[in-house]
Amino acid sequence: MDYIIHLSKDKKLKKLVENGQTHKLIKRKNICTYLCASIMSQQLSTKVADVIYKRFLTLYGDKEPTAQQILDTPFEKLRAIGLSNNKVSYVKNVAQFETAFGMDAKKLAKMTNDEVIEYLIVIKGVGRWTIEMLLMFALGREDVFAVDDLGIQNAMIKLYKLDNTDKKKLKEDMLRLSKKWSPYRTYACVHLWRWKDNVPVVKEKRPKEKIK
């Protein structure tokens, strides 16, 4: 695969890429549901998040609901599946944005990564990290670098022996190193996650996002 050849030019990353499993990015059609699921999983273990999401789908006959169906679902009914008040509000915010402005895959596909972030960041309850994960794992964008992700930070600190006493400098060093991975930075992130935690994405290790 092209990304393996490119990323292998980085001697330290080479062993991770060549010894690891290849990864294929998936493009999803229902962006609204993906974003709602992402919000539900925040600060939860993967196991607990999966249970809550299954309960969520059960409310709609085990099918992904439309944004309007989510809006029509009583607040307390969503609370009853294990969501906090804030998470219910945030899920409703996503559904409201979908009905008012739209966020279907075809529409977002016409936007650059930065344009997608700018477009969705206005939704209360949705932070930059969440949108970066959406870009990677729902829109299938190959060149996204999640500099704020704790798993990526820890992996790069260990792999490149980076100094983490100054967070600002750490991020500058990470961005500098990641430039040579472009246009395949998403794949680099996946291999760093796998190397550090042996899983593609560790939901518990998202950064604390500032809620607008």
Protein backbone atom coordinates (compact mmCIF):
# COMPACT_ATOMS: atom_id res chain seq x y z
CA MET A 1 0.00 0.00 0.00
CA ASP A 2 1.19 3.51 -0.86
CA TYR A 3 0.96 4.79 2.70
CA ILE A 4 3.27 2.05 4.00
CA ILE A 5 6.00 3.01 1.53
CA HIS A 6 5.63 6.69 2.37
CA LEU A 7 5.50 6.35 6.17
CA SER A 8 8.41 3.90 6.14
CA LYS A 9 10.67 6.80 5.15
CA ASP A 10 10.47 7.77 8.83
CA LYS A 11 12.92 5.32 10.40
CA LYS A 12 11.21 5.27 13.80
CA LEU A 13 7.73 4.90 12.36
CA LYS A 14 8.91 2.30 9.84
CA LYS A 15 8.97 -0.59 12.34
CA LEU A 16 5.43 0.19 13.47
CA VAL A 17 4.06 0.38 9.95
CA GLU A 18 5.87 -2.60 8.47
CA ASN A 19 5.27 -4.89 11.46
CA GLY A 20 1.66 -3.85 12.00
CA GLN A 21 -1.59 -4.76 10.27
CA THR A 22 -2.62 -2.67 7.29
CA HIS A 23 -5.63 -0.45 7.80
CA LYS A 24 -8.45 0.49 5.46
CA LEU A 25 -10.45 3.63 6.17
CA ILE A 26 -14.24 3.37 6.01
CA LYS A 27 -16.64 5.99 4.72
CA ARG A 28 -19.97 6.13 6.51
CA LYS A 29 -23.22 7.53 5.15
CA ASN A 30 -25.04 8.45 8.36
CA ILE A 31 -22.80 11.17 9.80
CA CYS A 32 -25.44 12.39 12.25
CA THR A 33 -25.73 8.99 13.94
CA TYR A 34 -21.94 8.58 13.99
CA LEU A 35 -21.56 11.93 15.74
CA CYS A 36 -24.28 11.06 18.25
CA ALA A 37 -22.55 7.74 19.00
CA SER A 38 -19.26 9.57 19.49
CA ILE A 39 -20.86 11.91 22.02
CA MET A 40 -22.42 8.97 23.87
CA SER A 41 -19.04 7.25 24.19
CA GLN A 42 -17.25 10.25 25.71
CA GLN A 43 -15.44 9.45 28.98
CA LEU A 44 -16.72 5.85 28.91
CA SER A 45 -14.99 2.54 28.36
CA THR A 46 -15.56 0.94 24.96
CA LYS A 47 -17.64 -1.83 26.58
CA VAL A 48 -20.01 0.55 28.39
CA ALA A 49 -20.29 2.83 25.34
CA ASP A 50 -21.27 -0.14 23.16
CA VAL A 51 -24.02 -1.15 25.62
CA ILE A 52 -25.50 2.36 25.65
CA TYR A 53 -25.37 2.64 21.87
CA LYS A 54 -27.21 -0.70 21.49
CA ARG A 55 -29.89 0.59 23.87
CA PHE A 56 -30.08 3.73 21.73
CA LEU A 57 -30.66 1.72 18.53
CA THR A 58 -33.27 -0.42 20.32
CA LEU A 59 -35.39 2.70 20.73
CA TYR A 60 -35.69 2.81 16.94
CA GLY A 61 -36.21 -0.86 16.12
CA ASP A 62 -32.46 -1.61 16.01
CA LYS A 63 -32.03 0.76 13.07
CA GLU A 64 -30.10 4.02 12.81
CA PRO A 65 -32.62 6.80 13.46
CA THR A 66 -33.14 9.92 11.41
CA ALA A 67 -32.34 13.28 12.96
CA GLN A 68 -36.07 14.01 13.23
CA GLN A 69 -36.67 10.76 15.09
CA ILE A 70 -34.01 11.75 17.62
CA LEU A 71 -35.60 15.16 18.06
CA ASP A 72 -39.02 13.55 18.54
CA THR A 73 -37.68 11.20 21.25
CA PRO A 74 -38.59 12.49 24.74
CA PHE A 75 -35.65 13.74 26.81
CA GLU A 76 -36.32 11.28 29.64
CA LYS A 77 -36.46 8.35 27.24
CA LEU A 78 -32.89 9.10 26.17
CA ARG A 79 -31.86 9.62 29.79
CA ALA A 80 -33.22 6.16 30.60
CA ILE A 81 -30.68 4.38 28.35
CA GLY A 82 -27.84 5.70 30.51
CA LEU A 83 -27.08 9.14 29.09
CA SER A 84 -26.41 12.15 31.30
CA ASN A 85 -28.49 15.31 30.94
CA ASN A 86 -25.63 16.98 29.09
CA LYS A 87 -25.19 14.11 26.65
CA VAL A 88 -28.90 14.04 25.84
CA SER A 89 -28.74 17.77 25.14
CA TYR A 90 -25.65 17.36 22.95
CA VAL A 91 -27.24 14.49 20.97
CA LYS A 92 -30.32 16.65 20.45
CA ASN A 93 -28.04 19.52 19.34
CA VAL A 94 -26.48 17.31 16.67
CA ALA A 95 -29.90 16.22 15.40
CA GLN A 96 -31.12 19.83 15.38
CA PHE A 97 -28.08 20.92 13.37
CA GLU A 98 -28.67 18.10 10.88
CA THR A 99 -32.29 19.13 10.30
CA ALA A 100 -31.45 22.83 10.08
CA PHE A 101 -28.23 22.81 8.05
CA GLY A 102 -27.43 19.23 7.01
CA MET A 103 -24.32 17.13 7.54
CA ASP A 104 -24.75 14.28 5.08
CA ALA A 105 -21.60 12.61 3.77
CA LYS A 106 -21.97 14.07 0.26
CA LYS A 107 -22.16 17.60 1.60
CA LEU A 108 -19.15 17.20 3.89
CA ALA A 109 -17.18 15.43 1.14
CA LYS A 110 -17.08 18.71 -0.77
CA MET A 111 -15.35 20.45 2.17
CA THR A 112 -11.70 20.44 3.19
CA ASN A 113 -10.75 19.08 6.62
CA ASP A 114 -10.54 22.60 8.05
CA GLU A 115 -13.88 23.53 6.51
CA VAL A 116 -15.56 20.48 8.09
CA ILE A 117 -14.10 21.42 11.48
CA GLU A 118 -15.25 25.03 11.12
CA TYR A 119 -18.71 23.90 9.99
CA LEU A 120 -19.39 21.43 12.82
CA ILE A 121 -17.52 23.05 15.71
CA VAL A 122 -20.47 25.41 16.31
CA ILE A 123 -22.56 22.50 17.62
CA LYS A 124 -22.57 22.69 21.42
CA GLY A 125 -21.11 19.45 22.75
CA VAL A 126 -18.92 18.78 19.71
CA GLY A 127 -15.21 19.58 20.04
CA ARG A 128 -12.31 19.57 17.61
CA TRP A 129 -11.09 16.10 18.65
CA THR A 130 -14.51 14.58 17.99
CA ILE A 131 -14.59 16.12 14.52
CA GLU A 132 -11.06 14.88 13.79
CA MET A 133 -12.19 11.35 14.65
CA LEU A 134 -15.19 11.85 12.37
CA LEU A 135 -12.88 12.97 9.56
CA MET A 136 -10.77 9.84 10.03
CA PHE A 137 -13.33 7.14 10.71
CA ALA A 138 -16.56 8.39 9.14
CA LEU A 139 -15.38 10.44 6.15
CA GLY A 140 -12.29 8.33 5.51
CA ARG A 141 -9.88 11.27 5.26
CA GLU A 142 -6.29 10.06 4.95
CA ASP A 143 -4.43 13.15 6.12
CA VAL A 144 -5.71 14.04 9.59
CA PHE A 145 -3.41 14.47 12.60
CA ALA A 146 -4.93 14.51 16.09
CA VAL A 147 -2.28 16.50 17.94
CA ASP A 148 -4.45 16.81 21.08
CA ASP A 149 -5.15 13.09 21.40
CA LEU A 150 -3.58 11.71 24.58
CA GLY A 151 -2.84 8.34 23.03
CA ILE A 152 -0.98 9.93 20.11
CA GLN A 153 0.91 12.21 22.48
CA ASN A 154 2.00 9.32 24.72
CA ALA A 155 3.04 7.19 21.74
CA MET A 156 5.12 9.97 20.17
CA ILE A 157 6.73 10.87 23.51
CA LYS A 158 7.87 7.27 23.84
CA LEU A 159 8.81 6.64 20.19
CA TYR A 160 10.62 9.92 19.54
CA LYS A 161 11.82 10.56 23.12
CA LEU A 162 10.00 13.90 23.23
CA ASP A 163 10.05 16.19 26.26
CA ASN A 164 6.52 16.51 27.65
CA THR A 165 7.22 19.07 30.38
CA ASP A 166 6.18 21.91 28.09
CA LYS A 167 2.86 21.04 26.43
CA LYS A 168 3.11 23.85 23.89
CA LYS A 169 6.55 22.74 22.73
CA LEU A 170 5.43 19.11 22.74
CA LYS A 171 2.66 19.89 20.28
CA GLU A 172 5.02 21.95 18.13
CA ASP A 173 7.45 19.00 18.01
CA MET A 174 4.61 16.61 17.16
CA LEU A 175 3.36 18.81 14.33
CA ARG A 176 6.90 19.18 12.99
CA LEU A 177 7.42 15.41 12.96
CA SER A 178 4.00 14.75 11.45
CA LYS A 179 4.54 17.02 8.45
CA LYS A 180 6.67 14.41 6.71
CA TRP A 181 3.86 11.85 7.11
CA SER A 182 1.50 13.91 4.95
CA PRO A 183 -0.64 13.00 2.97
CA TYR A 184 -1.09 9.86 5.12
CA ARG A 185 -1.16 11.21 8.66
CA THR A 186 -4.37 9.35 9.55
CA TYR A 187 -2.65 6.02 8.94
CA ALA A 188 0.30 7.16 11.05
CA CYS A 189 -2.12 7.92 13.90
CA VAL A 190 -3.73 4.49 13.59
CA HIS A 191 -0.37 2.74 13.83
CA LEU A 192 0.67 4.90 16.79
CA TRP A 193 -2.58 4.00 18.59
CA ARG A 194 -2.07 0.32 17.86
CA TRP A 195 1.53 0.39 18.99
CA LYS A 196 0.72 2.18 22.24
CA ASP A 197 -2.52 0.44 23.17
CA ASN A 198 -2.90 -2.44 20.72
CA VAL A 199 -6.23 -1.09 19.47
CA PRO A 200 -7.02 1.27 16.55
CA VAL A 201 -8.72 3.93 18.68
CA VAL A 202 -8.89 4.19 22.46
CA LYS A 203 -12.08 6.08 23.23
CA GLU A 204 -11.14 6.66 26.87
CA LYS A 205 -8.06 8.62 25.84
CA ARG A 206 -9.75 11.53 24.16
CA PRO A 207 -8.70 14.95 25.44
CA LYS A 208 -11.06 17.03 27.53
CA GLU A 209 -12.82 19.20 24.97
CA LYS A 210 -13.92 22.71 25.69
CA ILE A 211 -17.69 22.89 25.47
CA LYS A 212 -18.93 26.10 23.96
